[in-house]
Every structure is written in C-alpha cells, then in structure tokens.
Amino acid sequence: MFALFEKAVLGMASLRILSGSIEILAAIIMLKFNTVEKALIVNSSLALVGPMILIATTTIGLFGIADKISFLKMFWVLLGVGFILYGIRSQ
C-alpha cells in the first residue's frame, strides 16, 4: 500500500501525523492536570514542536524536489521559512 506514495510525501505526512498526535496528547494532558498554570507549561512546550516539524517537513519536501527546482527558488522557500520562524520568535 505504501508503495503508491512518493517517499518524500510519505515522510512529510508521517511527521504531520506525529505532530497532530502530540497536539492531541497535549490537550489530554491539559485536561488531566486541570490547572491554568500547568496548561500554560504544556502549551509552551508545544511551541518547540511546531517549528521543528515545520523545518523537518520543509526540508524533506525540498530534498524531494531538489532536482526539479532551481537553486534560486529553493533559496526563496528557505528564506520564507526563515521569516516565519523569525516572526514566531519575535516579541
């Protein structure tokens, strides 16, 4: 069944499934602790997961199309990801 999918697409989708599972687990943990303080701690830890998944899926995707895209276009994509991460980190 998995032979029908391109390896890069399968890797990207797997990371997104993992990310979604972590988000659901975090919501369950928040409900279990039932305090705002602990929910904020759990939510803050998710701030680390999101950018890492974004970088990993983008990297897999770029490696998947590396032979089909020019270096300049790849640069613009990486620059865009960099701006997203900068915007997330800015205060």
C-alpha atoms as a PDB file:
ATOM      1  CA  MET A   1       0.000   0.000   0.000  1.00  0.00           C
ATOM      2  CA  PHE A   2       2.772   2.454   0.882  1.00  0.00           C
ATOM      3  CA  ALA A   3       4.482   1.760  -2.445  1.00  0.00           C
ATOM      4  CA  LEU A   4       1.863   4.020  -4.042  1.00  0.00           C
ATOM      5  CA  PHE A   5       3.187   7.082  -2.229  1.00  0.00           C
ATOM      6  CA  GLU A   6       6.333   9.000  -3.003  1.00  0.00           C
ATOM      7  CA  LYS A   7       8.892   8.673  -0.191  1.00  0.00           C
ATOM      8  CA  ALA A   8       9.094  12.417   0.450  1.00  0.00           C
ATOM      9  CA  VAL A   9       5.311  12.734   0.648  1.00  0.00           C
ATOM     10  CA  LEU A  10       5.085   9.758   2.996  1.00  0.00           C
ATOM     11  CA  GLY A  11       7.784  11.255   5.232  1.00  0.00           C
ATOM     12  CA  MET A  12       6.104  14.657   5.310  1.00  0.00           C
ATOM     13  CA  ALA A  13       2.690  13.158   6.064  1.00  0.00           C
ATOM     14  CA  SER A  14       4.162  10.961   8.798  1.00  0.00           C
ATOM     15  CA  LEU A  15       5.690  13.988  10.508  1.00  0.00           C
ATOM     16  CA  ARG A  16       2.366  15.837  10.336  1.00  0.00           C
ATOM     17  CA  ILE A  17       0.553  12.819  11.827  1.00  0.00           C
ATOM     18  CA  LEU A  18       3.153  12.739  14.603  1.00  0.00           C
ATOM     19  CA  SER A  19       2.694  16.477  15.174  1.00  0.00           C
ATOM     20  CA  GLY A  20      -1.085  16.138  15.347  1.00  0.00           C
ATOM     21  CA  SER A  21      -0.776  13.231  17.772  1.00  0.00           C
ATOM     22  CA  ILE A  22       1.476  15.313  20.014  1.00  0.00           C
ATOM     23  CA  GLU A  23      -1.079  18.156  19.926  1.00  0.00           C
ATOM     24  CA  ILE A  24      -3.911  15.806  20.914  1.00  0.00           C
ATOM     25  CA  LEU A  25      -1.799  14.279  23.685  1.00  0.00           C
ATOM     26  CA  ALA A  26      -1.021  17.780  24.971  1.00  0.00           C
ATOM     27  CA  ALA A  27      -4.737  18.613  25.086  1.00  0.00           C
ATOM     28  CA  ILE A  28      -5.414  15.431  27.072  1.00  0.00           C
ATOM     29  CA  ILE A  29      -2.601  16.283  29.492  1.00  0.00           C
ATOM     30  CA  MET A  30      -4.039  19.796  29.951  1.00  0.00           C
ATOM     31  CA  LEU A  31      -7.429  18.323  30.785  1.00  0.00           C
ATOM     32  CA  LYS A  32      -5.850  15.830  33.183  1.00  0.00           C
ATOM     33  CA  PHE A  33      -3.952  18.493  35.158  1.00  0.00           C
ATOM     34  CA  ASN A  34      -6.932  20.886  35.096  1.00  0.00           C
ATOM     35  CA  THR A  35      -4.949  23.969  36.125  1.00  0.00           C
ATOM     36  CA  VAL A  36      -4.187  27.037  34.045  1.00  0.00           C
ATOM     37  CA  GLU A  37      -0.556  27.132  35.160  1.00  0.00           C
ATOM     38  CA  LYS A  38       0.192  23.571  34.064  1.00  0.00           C
ATOM     39  CA  ALA A  39      -1.800  24.027  30.860  1.00  0.00           C
ATOM     40  CA  LEU A  40       0.396  27.022  30.015  1.00  0.00           C
ATOM     41  CA  ILE A  41       3.513  24.935  30.628  1.00  0.00           C
ATOM     42  CA  VAL A  42       2.233  22.201  28.312  1.00  0.00           C
ATOM     43  CA  ASN A  43       1.226  24.784  25.716  1.00  0.00           C
ATOM     44  CA  SER A  44       4.645  26.431  25.892  1.00  0.00           C
ATOM     45  CA  SER A  45       6.336  23.107  25.261  1.00  0.00           C
ATOM     46  CA  LEU A  46       4.289  22.796  22.065  1.00  0.00           C
ATOM     47  CA  ALA A  47       5.926  25.995  20.845  1.00  0.00           C
ATOM     48  CA  LEU A  48       9.101  23.934  20.402  1.00  0.00           C
ATOM     49  CA  VAL A  49       7.432  21.134  18.467  1.00  0.00           C
ATOM     50  CA  GLY A  50       5.703  23.265  15.813  1.00  0.00           C
ATOM     51  CA  PRO A  51       8.768  24.957  14.312  1.00  0.00           C
ATOM     52  CA  MET A  52      10.770  21.727  14.390  1.00  0.00           C
ATOM     53  CA  ILE A  53       8.049  19.915  12.441  1.00  0.00           C
ATOM     54  CA  LEU A  54       7.820  22.844  10.011  1.00  0.00           C
ATOM     55  CA  ILE A  55      11.554  22.765   9.346  1.00  0.00           C
ATOM     56  CA  ALA A  56      11.645  18.976   9.023  1.00  0.00           C
ATOM     57  CA  THR A  57       8.706  18.742   6.599  1.00  0.00           C
ATOM     58  CA  THR A  58      10.023  21.631   4.506  1.00  0.00           C
ATOM     59  CA  THR A  59      13.461  20.032   4.364  1.00  0.00           C
ATOM     60  CA  ILE A  60      12.025  16.692   3.262  1.00  0.00           C
ATOM     61  CA  GLY A  61       9.914  18.445   0.643  1.00  0.00           C
ATOM     62  CA  LEU A  62      12.857  20.426  -0.699  1.00  0.00           C
ATOM     63  CA  PHE A  63      15.007  17.318  -0.933  1.00  0.00           C
ATOM     64  CA  GLY A  64      12.116  15.645  -2.753  1.00  0.00           C
ATOM     65  CA  ILE A  65      12.002  18.340  -5.435  1.00  0.00           C
ATOM     66  CA  ALA A  66      15.680  19.318  -5.429  1.00  0.00           C
ATOM     67  CA  ASP A  67      16.195  18.026  -8.959  1.00  0.00           C
ATOM     68  CA  LYS A  68      13.073  19.808 -10.273  1.00  0.00           C
ATOM     69  CA  ILE A  69      13.541  23.291  -8.793  1.00  0.00           C
ATOM     70  CA  SER A  70      16.188  25.934  -9.384  1.00  0.00           C
ATOM     71  CA  PHE A  71      18.575  26.994  -6.647  1.00  0.00           C
ATOM     72  CA  LEU A  72      17.076  30.499  -6.628  1.00  0.00           C
ATOM     73  CA  LYS A  73      13.551  29.180  -5.986  1.00  0.00           C
ATOM     74  CA  MET A  74      14.858  26.896  -3.242  1.00  0.00           C
ATOM     75  CA  PHE A  75      16.553  29.924  -1.681  1.00  0.00           C
ATOM     76  CA  TRP A  76      13.258  31.862  -1.671  1.00  0.00           C
ATOM     77  CA  VAL A  77      11.440  28.977   0.008  1.00  0.00           C
ATOM     78  CA  LEU A  78      14.112  28.697   2.703  1.00  0.00           C
ATOM     79  CA  LEU A  79      14.071  32.465   3.189  1.00  0.00           C
ATOM     80  CA  GLY A  80      10.289  32.345   3.619  1.00  0.00           C
ATOM     81  CA  VAL A  81      10.586  29.627   6.261  1.00  0.00           C
ATOM     82  CA  GLY A  82      13.238  31.720   7.974  1.00  0.00           C
ATOM     83  CA  PHE A  83      10.883  34.711   8.055  1.00  0.00           C
ATOM     84  CA  ILE A  84       8.110  32.568   9.524  1.00  0.00           C
ATOM     85  CA  LEU A  85      10.420  31.349  12.269  1.00  0.00           C
ATOM     86  CA  TYR A  86      11.676  34.884  12.911  1.00  0.00           C
ATOM     87  CA  GLY A  87       8.087  36.102  13.203  1.00  0.00           C
ATOM     88  CA  ILE A  88       7.270  33.381  15.687  1.00  0.00           C
ATOM     89  CA  ARG A  89      10.291  34.196  17.835  1.00  0.00           C
ATOM     90  CA  SER A  90       9.898  37.993  17.742  1.00  0.00           C
ATOM     91  CA  GLN A  91       8.383  39.684  20.745  1.00  0.00           C
END
